[in-house]
Amino acid sequence: MAELPGYFRYCLNTGKLVLLGILVSGGVVLQILACALYNNWWPMLTAITYVLLPMPLLFLVGSGRSSLFSESDSSWVNATKFLTGASAVGSIAIPAILKHSGVIGWGAFAMELSSFFVFVFAILCYIRINDEDDYSSL
């Protein structure tokens, strides 16, 4: 992308940020629709796990993102991986438990899971955008 003019690269990067914004907004809309359409606000419990999910990453690891994707002997990094994984499993387990107990229906369950997968896709896109690091070459 070095042969493209600077203003064109800037537009492409802005488009990537807009895509991330649309994905996160879509996940939030699916989360709210799962509750509002079926007049049952119990599925909103998964929003708690969405808030708790990045907390171990923010507090225990800091800015060392590369240490999360490699083996580490640090107990703090291992604790961060465990807490993040537990929160991610909770994001799927809470709707499954609510469906199994009969609190929510199949429609709300499907919307909750689709909201989770939209959020996961947004996170993967964010990681991909940060790996490219085109903002430093503007």
N, C-alpha and C. Protein backbone atom coordinates (compact mmCIF):
# COMPACT_ATOMS: atom_id res chain seq x y z
N MET A 1 0.80 -1.19 0.00
CA MET A 1 0.00 0.00 0.00
C MET A 1 0.85 1.26 0.00
N ALA A 2 2.14 1.10 -0.13
CA ALA A 2 3.03 2.25 -0.10
C ALA A 2 2.88 3.11 -1.36
N GLU A 3 2.41 2.53 -2.50
CA GLU A 3 2.30 3.30 -3.73
C GLU A 3 1.03 4.13 -3.81
N LEU A 4 0.10 3.93 -2.88
CA LEU A 4 -1.13 4.70 -2.86
C LEU A 4 -0.89 6.07 -2.23
N PRO A 5 -1.61 7.09 -2.69
CA PRO A 5 -1.47 8.41 -2.06
C PRO A 5 -1.93 8.39 -0.61
N GLY A 6 -1.43 9.32 0.17
CA GLY A 6 -1.73 9.37 1.60
C GLY A 6 -3.20 9.55 1.91
N TYR A 7 -3.88 10.40 1.13
CA TYR A 7 -5.29 10.63 1.40
C TYR A 7 -6.12 9.38 1.13
N PHE A 8 -5.71 8.56 0.15
CA PHE A 8 -6.44 7.33 -0.15
C PHE A 8 -6.25 6.29 0.96
N ARG A 9 -5.03 6.18 1.47
CA ARG A 9 -4.77 5.27 2.60
C ARG A 9 -5.55 5.71 3.83
N TYR A 10 -5.64 7.02 4.04
CA TYR A 10 -6.40 7.54 5.17
C TYR A 10 -7.87 7.15 5.05
N CYS A 11 -8.45 7.23 3.84
CA CYS A 11 -9.84 6.85 3.62
C CYS A 11 -10.05 5.36 3.87
N LEU A 12 -9.10 4.54 3.45
CA LEU A 12 -9.22 3.10 3.70
C LEU A 12 -9.19 2.79 5.19
N ASN A 13 -8.31 3.46 5.92
CA ASN A 13 -8.24 3.24 7.37
C ASN A 13 -9.49 3.73 8.07
N THR A 14 -10.05 4.83 7.60
CA THR A 14 -11.30 5.33 8.17
C THR A 14 -12.42 4.34 7.90
N GLY A 15 -12.43 3.73 6.72
CA GLY A 15 -13.44 2.72 6.41
C GLY A 15 -13.34 1.52 7.32
N LYS A 16 -12.11 1.14 7.69
CA LYS A 16 -11.94 0.02 8.62
C LYS A 16 -12.52 0.36 9.99
N LEU A 17 -12.31 1.59 10.44
CA LEU A 17 -12.88 2.00 11.72
C LEU A 17 -14.40 2.05 11.67
N VAL A 18 -14.94 2.48 10.53
CA VAL A 18 -16.39 2.51 10.37
C VAL A 18 -16.95 1.08 10.41
N LEU A 19 -16.26 0.14 9.78
CA LEU A 19 -16.68 -1.25 9.81
C LEU A 19 -16.71 -1.78 11.25
N LEU A 20 -15.67 -1.46 12.03
CA LEU A 20 -15.66 -1.88 13.43
C LEU A 20 -16.84 -1.28 14.20
N GLY A 21 -17.11 -0.01 13.95
CA GLY A 21 -18.24 0.64 14.61
C GLY A 21 -19.57 0.00 14.25
N ILE A 22 -19.73 -0.36 12.98
CA ILE A 22 -20.97 -1.00 12.54
C ILE A 22 -21.10 -2.38 13.16
N LEU A 23 -20.01 -3.13 13.25
CA LEU A 23 -20.06 -4.46 13.85
C LEU A 23 -20.44 -4.39 15.32
N VAL A 24 -19.81 -3.50 16.07
CA VAL A 24 -20.12 -3.38 17.50
C VAL A 24 -21.56 -2.90 17.69
N SER A 25 -21.99 -1.94 16.87
CA SER A 25 -23.38 -1.47 16.97
C SER A 25 -24.36 -2.57 16.63
N GLY A 26 -24.03 -3.39 15.63
CA GLY A 26 -24.90 -4.52 15.29
C GLY A 26 -25.00 -5.53 16.42
N GLY A 27 -23.89 -5.77 17.10
CA GLY A 27 -23.91 -6.68 18.24
C GLY A 27 -24.76 -6.15 19.38
N VAL A 28 -24.67 -4.86 19.63
CA VAL A 28 -25.48 -4.25 20.69
C VAL A 28 -26.96 -4.29 20.32
N VAL A 29 -27.27 -4.01 19.04
CA VAL A 29 -28.67 -4.05 18.60
C VAL A 29 -29.23 -5.47 18.73
N LEU A 30 -28.46 -6.48 18.34
CA LEU A 30 -28.93 -7.86 18.50
C LEU A 30 -29.15 -8.21 19.97
N GLN A 31 -28.27 -7.71 20.82
CA GLN A 31 -28.40 -7.95 22.26
C GLN A 31 -29.70 -7.35 22.80
N ILE A 32 -29.99 -6.12 22.40
CA ILE A 32 -31.20 -5.45 22.88
C ILE A 32 -32.44 -6.06 22.25
N LEU A 33 -32.37 -6.42 20.97
CA LEU A 33 -33.53 -7.04 20.32
C LEU A 33 -33.87 -8.40 20.92
N ALA A 34 -32.85 -9.13 21.34
CA ALA A 34 -33.11 -10.43 21.98
C ALA A 34 -33.94 -10.25 23.24
N CYS A 35 -33.80 -9.11 23.87
CA CYS A 35 -34.58 -8.83 25.08
C CYS A 35 -35.93 -8.19 24.75
N ALA A 36 -35.91 -7.18 23.89
CA ALA A 36 -37.11 -6.38 23.64
C ALA A 36 -38.18 -7.14 22.84
N LEU A 37 -37.78 -7.91 21.85
CA LEU A 37 -38.76 -8.60 21.01
C LEU A 37 -39.52 -9.67 21.76
N TYR A 38 -38.89 -10.27 22.73
CA TYR A 38 -39.52 -11.36 23.46
C TYR A 38 -39.98 -10.94 24.85
N ASN A 39 -39.90 -9.63 25.14
CA ASN A 39 -40.38 -9.05 26.39
C ASN A 39 -39.82 -9.80 27.61
N ASN A 40 -38.52 -10.06 27.55
CA ASN A 40 -37.85 -10.78 28.62
C ASN A 40 -36.42 -10.22 28.70
N TRP A 41 -36.07 -9.61 29.81
CA TRP A 41 -34.78 -8.93 29.91
C TRP A 41 -33.71 -9.79 30.57
N TRP A 42 -33.96 -11.05 30.81
CA TRP A 42 -32.94 -11.93 31.37
C TRP A 42 -31.72 -12.11 30.45
N PRO A 43 -31.87 -12.13 29.14
CA PRO A 43 -30.68 -12.28 28.29
C PRO A 43 -29.66 -11.14 28.43
N MET A 44 -30.08 -10.03 29.03
CA MET A 44 -29.15 -8.91 29.21
C MET A 44 -28.05 -9.25 30.21
N LEU A 45 -28.17 -10.38 30.90
CA LEU A 45 -27.09 -10.83 31.79
C LEU A 45 -25.78 -11.02 31.05
N THR A 46 -25.85 -11.37 29.78
CA THR A 46 -24.61 -11.57 29.02
C THR A 46 -23.87 -10.26 28.79
N ALA A 47 -24.58 -9.14 28.89
CA ALA A 47 -23.91 -7.84 28.75
C ALA A 47 -22.89 -7.64 29.88
N ILE A 48 -23.16 -8.25 31.03
CA ILE A 48 -22.20 -8.17 32.13
C ILE A 48 -20.89 -8.85 31.74
N THR A 49 -21.00 -10.00 31.08
CA THR A 49 -19.76 -10.68 30.67
C THR A 49 -19.04 -9.92 29.57
N TYR A 50 -19.78 -9.19 28.72
CA TYR A 50 -19.12 -8.38 27.70
C TYR A 50 -18.33 -7.24 28.33
N VAL A 51 -18.82 -6.74 29.45
CA VAL A 51 -18.10 -5.67 30.16
C VAL A 51 -16.91 -6.26 30.92
N LEU A 52 -17.09 -7.45 31.51
CA LEU A 52 -16.02 -8.07 32.29
C LEU A 52 -14.92 -8.69 31.44
N LEU A 53 -15.22 -9.00 30.18
CA LEU A 53 -14.27 -9.71 29.32
C LEU A 53 -12.93 -8.99 29.16
N PRO A 54 -12.89 -7.68 28.86
CA PRO A 54 -11.58 -7.05 28.69
C PRO A 54 -10.90 -6.62 29.98
N MET A 55 -11.57 -6.71 31.11
CA MET A 55 -10.99 -6.22 32.35
C MET A 55 -9.68 -6.93 32.74
N PRO A 56 -9.58 -8.25 32.69
CA PRO A 56 -8.29 -8.87 33.02
C PRO A 56 -7.18 -8.43 32.07
N LEU A 57 -7.54 -8.24 30.80
CA LEU A 57 -6.53 -7.79 29.83
C LEU A 57 -6.04 -6.38 30.15
N LEU A 58 -6.95 -5.53 30.58
CA LEU A 58 -6.57 -4.15 30.88
C LEU A 58 -5.76 -4.04 32.17
N PHE A 59 -6.15 -4.79 33.18
CA PHE A 59 -5.53 -4.61 34.49
C PHE A 59 -4.29 -5.47 34.72
N LEU A 60 -4.25 -6.66 34.17
CA LEU A 60 -3.17 -7.57 34.50
C LEU A 60 -2.04 -7.61 33.47
N VAL A 61 -2.35 -7.38 32.20
CA VAL A 61 -1.30 -7.49 31.19
C VAL A 61 -0.79 -6.13 30.75
N GLY A 62 -1.67 -5.15 30.66
CA GLY A 62 -1.24 -3.84 30.22
C GLY A 62 -1.15 -3.78 28.70
N SER A 63 -0.05 -3.26 28.19
CA SER A 63 0.08 -3.08 26.75
C SER A 63 0.85 -4.20 26.08
N GLY A 64 1.24 -5.23 26.78
CA GLY A 64 1.99 -6.32 26.19
C GLY A 64 1.09 -7.32 25.49
N ARG A 65 0.47 -6.92 24.37
CA ARG A 65 -0.49 -7.75 23.66
C ARG A 65 0.16 -9.01 23.11
N SER A 66 1.43 -8.94 22.72
CA SER A 66 2.07 -10.10 22.11
C SER A 66 2.25 -11.24 23.11
N SER A 67 2.29 -10.94 24.39
CA SER A 67 2.46 -12.00 25.39
C SER A 67 1.21 -12.86 25.53
N LEU A 68 0.08 -12.37 25.08
CA LEU A 68 -1.15 -13.15 25.17
C LEU A 68 -1.21 -14.25 24.13
N PHE A 69 -0.52 -14.08 23.03
CA PHE A 69 -0.59 -15.05 21.94
C PHE A 69 0.59 -16.00 21.92
N SER A 70 1.42 -15.97 22.94
CA SER A 70 2.56 -16.87 23.00
C SER A 70 2.60 -17.52 24.39
N GLU A 71 3.43 -18.56 24.50
CA GLU A 71 3.58 -19.20 25.80
C GLU A 71 4.33 -18.27 26.74
N SER A 72 3.91 -18.29 27.99
CA SER A 72 4.51 -17.40 28.96
C SER A 72 4.67 -18.13 30.29
N ASP A 73 5.73 -17.79 31.01
CA ASP A 73 5.94 -18.34 32.34
C ASP A 73 5.41 -17.41 33.42
N SER A 74 4.90 -16.27 33.02
CA SER A 74 4.38 -15.30 33.98
C SER A 74 3.02 -15.77 34.51
N SER A 75 2.89 -15.77 35.81
CA SER A 75 1.61 -16.18 36.40
C SER A 75 0.53 -15.14 36.14
N TRP A 76 0.89 -13.88 35.99
CA TRP A 76 -0.09 -12.84 35.71
C TRP A 76 -0.68 -13.02 34.32
N VAL A 77 0.14 -13.36 33.35
CA VAL A 77 -0.36 -13.58 31.98
C VAL A 77 -1.24 -14.82 31.95
N ASN A 78 -0.84 -15.87 32.66
CA ASN A 78 -1.66 -17.08 32.71
C ASN A 78 -2.99 -16.83 33.42
N ALA A 79 -2.98 -16.04 34.48
CA ALA A 79 -4.23 -15.70 35.16
C ALA A 79 -5.13 -14.86 34.25
N THR A 80 -4.53 -13.98 33.48
CA THR A 80 -5.29 -13.16 32.54
C THR A 80 -5.95 -14.03 31.47
N LYS A 81 -5.20 -14.98 30.95
CA LYS A 81 -5.77 -15.88 29.94
C LYS A 81 -6.92 -16.69 30.52
N PHE A 82 -6.77 -17.16 31.75
CA PHE A 82 -7.82 -17.95 32.39
C PHE A 82 -9.08 -17.11 32.62
N LEU A 83 -8.93 -15.92 33.18
CA LEU A 83 -10.08 -15.07 33.48
C LEU A 83 -10.79 -14.62 32.19
N THR A 84 -10.02 -14.32 31.15
CA THR A 84 -10.62 -13.93 29.88
C THR A 84 -11.37 -15.10 29.26
N GLY A 85 -10.78 -16.29 29.32
CA GLY A 85 -11.46 -17.47 28.80
C GLY A 85 -12.72 -17.80 29.57
N ALA A 86 -12.68 -17.64 30.88
CA ALA A 86 -13.87 -17.90 31.70
C ALA A 86 -14.98 -16.92 31.36
N SER A 87 -14.64 -15.67 31.13
CA SER A 87 -15.65 -14.67 30.75
C SER A 87 -16.22 -14.98 29.37
N ALA A 88 -15.37 -15.43 28.45
CA ALA A 88 -15.85 -15.76 27.11
C ALA A 88 -16.77 -16.96 27.13
N VAL A 89 -16.45 -17.95 27.93
CA VAL A 89 -17.33 -19.12 28.05
C VAL A 89 -18.64 -18.72 28.71
N GLY A 90 -18.58 -17.81 29.67
CA GLY A 90 -19.79 -17.32 30.30
C GLY A 90 -20.71 -16.60 29.34
N SER A 91 -20.15 -15.97 28.30
CA SER A 91 -20.96 -15.28 27.31
C SER A 91 -21.81 -16.25 26.50
N ILE A 92 -21.35 -17.48 26.37
CA ILE A 92 -22.13 -18.50 25.67
C ILE A 92 -22.96 -19.30 26.67
N ALA A 93 -22.43 -19.53 27.86
CA ALA A 93 -23.10 -20.38 28.84
C ALA A 93 -24.35 -19.75 29.43
N ILE A 94 -24.34 -18.45 29.64
CA ILE A 94 -25.51 -17.81 30.25
C ILE A 94 -26.75 -17.96 29.38
N PRO A 95 -26.70 -17.66 28.07
CA PRO A 95 -27.90 -17.90 27.26
C PRO A 95 -28.28 -19.38 27.19
N ALA A 96 -27.29 -20.27 27.16
CA ALA A 96 -27.60 -21.70 27.11
C ALA A 96 -28.30 -22.16 28.38
N ILE A 97 -27.85 -21.68 29.52
CA ILE A 97 -28.49 -22.03 30.79
C ILE A 97 -29.91 -21.45 30.86
N LEU A 98 -30.06 -20.21 30.40
CA LEU A 98 -31.39 -19.60 30.41
C LEU A 98 -32.35 -20.34 29.48
N LYS A 99 -31.85 -20.80 28.34
CA LYS A 99 -32.70 -21.58 27.42
C LYS A 99 -33.04 -22.94 28.02
N HIS A 100 -32.06 -23.58 28.62
CA HIS A 100 -32.28 -24.90 29.21
C HIS A 100 -33.30 -24.85 30.35
N SER A 101 -33.27 -23.77 31.11
CA SER A 101 -34.21 -23.65 32.23
C SER A 101 -35.58 -23.14 31.79
N GLY A 102 -35.73 -22.79 30.53
CA GLY A 102 -37.02 -22.34 30.02
C GLY A 102 -37.31 -20.88 30.25
N VAL A 103 -36.32 -20.10 30.63
CA VAL A 103 -36.53 -18.68 30.89
C VAL A 103 -36.64 -17.90 29.58
N ILE A 104 -35.85 -18.27 28.57
CA ILE A 104 -35.91 -17.61 27.27
C ILE A 104 -36.28 -18.64 26.21
N GLY A 105 -36.72 -18.13 25.06
CA GLY A 105 -37.10 -19.00 23.95
C GLY A 105 -35.97 -19.16 22.95
N TRP A 106 -36.27 -19.93 21.89
CA TRP A 106 -35.26 -20.19 20.87
C TRP A 106 -34.85 -18.93 20.13
N GLY A 107 -35.80 -18.03 19.88
CA GLY A 107 -35.47 -16.80 19.16
C GLY A 107 -34.49 -15.92 19.92
N ALA A 108 -34.76 -15.71 21.20
CA ALA A 108 -33.85 -14.91 22.03
C ALA A 108 -32.49 -15.60 22.15
N PHE A 109 -32.50 -16.93 22.26
CA PHE A 109 -31.24 -17.67 22.33
C PHE A 109 -30.42 -17.50 21.06
N ALA A 110 -31.08 -17.59 19.91
CA ALA A 110 -30.38 -17.42 18.63
C ALA A 110 -29.83 -16.01 18.49
N MET A 111 -30.59 -15.01 18.90
CA MET A 111 -30.10 -13.63 18.82
C MET A 111 -28.95 -13.39 19.77
N GLU A 112 -28.99 -13.98 20.95
CA GLU A 112 -27.89 -13.84 21.90
C GLU A 112 -26.61 -14.44 21.33
N LEU A 113 -26.70 -15.64 20.76
CA LEU A 113 -25.50 -16.26 20.19
C LEU A 113 -24.99 -15.50 18.97
N SER A 114 -25.91 -15.01 18.14
CA SER A 114 -25.46 -14.22 16.98
C SER A 114 -24.81 -12.92 17.43
N SER A 115 -25.31 -12.32 18.51
CA SER A 115 -24.67 -11.13 19.06
C SER A 115 -23.26 -11.44 19.53
N PHE A 116 -23.09 -12.59 20.19
CA PHE A 116 -21.77 -13.00 20.65
C PHE A 116 -20.81 -13.16 19.48
N PHE A 117 -21.26 -13.82 18.41
CA PHE A 117 -20.37 -14.06 17.27
C PHE A 117 -20.07 -12.78 16.51
N VAL A 118 -20.99 -11.82 16.50
CA VAL A 118 -20.70 -10.52 15.90
C VAL A 118 -19.63 -9.79 16.70
N PHE A 119 -19.73 -9.85 18.04
CA PHE A 119 -18.71 -9.23 18.88
C PHE A 119 -17.35 -9.90 18.69
N VAL A 120 -17.33 -11.23 18.59
CA VAL A 120 -16.07 -11.94 18.37
C VAL A 120 -15.47 -11.55 17.03
N PHE A 121 -16.30 -11.44 16.00
CA PHE A 121 -15.80 -11.03 14.68
C PHE A 121 -15.25 -9.61 14.74
N ALA A 122 -15.90 -8.72 15.50
CA ALA A 122 -15.39 -7.35 15.64
C ALA A 122 -14.04 -7.34 16.34
N ILE A 123 -13.88 -8.18 17.36
CA ILE A 123 -12.59 -8.26 18.06
C ILE A 123 -11.50 -8.78 17.14
N LEU A 124 -11.83 -9.80 16.35
CA LEU A 124 -10.83 -10.33 15.40
C LEU A 124 -10.46 -9.30 14.34
N CYS A 125 -11.44 -8.53 13.88
CA CYS A 125 -11.13 -7.45 12.93
C CYS A 125 -10.25 -6.39 13.56
N TYR A 126 -10.52 -6.07 14.82
CA TYR A 126 -9.70 -5.08 15.52
C TYR A 126 -8.26 -5.56 15.65
N ILE A 127 -8.08 -6.83 15.98
CA ILE A 127 -6.72 -7.38 16.08
C ILE A 127 -6.03 -7.33 14.73
N ARG A 128 -6.76 -7.65 13.68
CA ARG A 128 -6.19 -7.61 12.32
C ARG A 128 -5.80 -6.18 11.93
N ILE A 129 -6.63 -5.22 12.26
CA ILE A 129 -6.32 -3.82 11.93
C ILE A 129 -5.09 -3.36 12.69
N ASN A 130 -4.97 -3.74 13.96
CA ASN A 130 -3.81 -3.34 14.74
C ASN A 130 -2.53 -4.01 14.26
N ASP A 131 -2.64 -5.22 13.74
CA ASP A 131 -1.46 -5.89 13.20
C ASP A 131 -0.92 -5.21 11.96
N GLU A 132 -1.82 -4.62 11.15
CA GLU A 132 -1.37 -3.93 9.95
C GLU A 132 -0.64 -2.65 10.29
N ASP A 133 -1.12 -1.92 11.28
CA ASP A 133 -0.48 -0.70 11.80
C ASP A 133 -0.18 0.31 10.70
N ASP A 134 -1.18 0.60 9.89
CA ASP A 134 -1.02 1.61 8.82
C ASP A 134 -1.09 3.03 9.34
N TYR A 135 -1.56 3.22 10.54
CA TYR A 135 -1.71 4.58 11.04
C TYR A 135 -0.35 5.24 11.29
N SER A 136 0.67 4.46 11.59
CA SER A 136 1.97 5.06 11.86
C SER A 136 2.66 5.50 10.57
N SER A 137 2.19 5.05 9.40
CA SER A 137 2.85 5.42 8.16
C SER A 137 2.16 6.54 7.42
N LEU A 138 1.18 7.19 8.04
CA LEU A 138 0.47 8.29 7.37
C LEU A 138 1.29 9.54 7.34
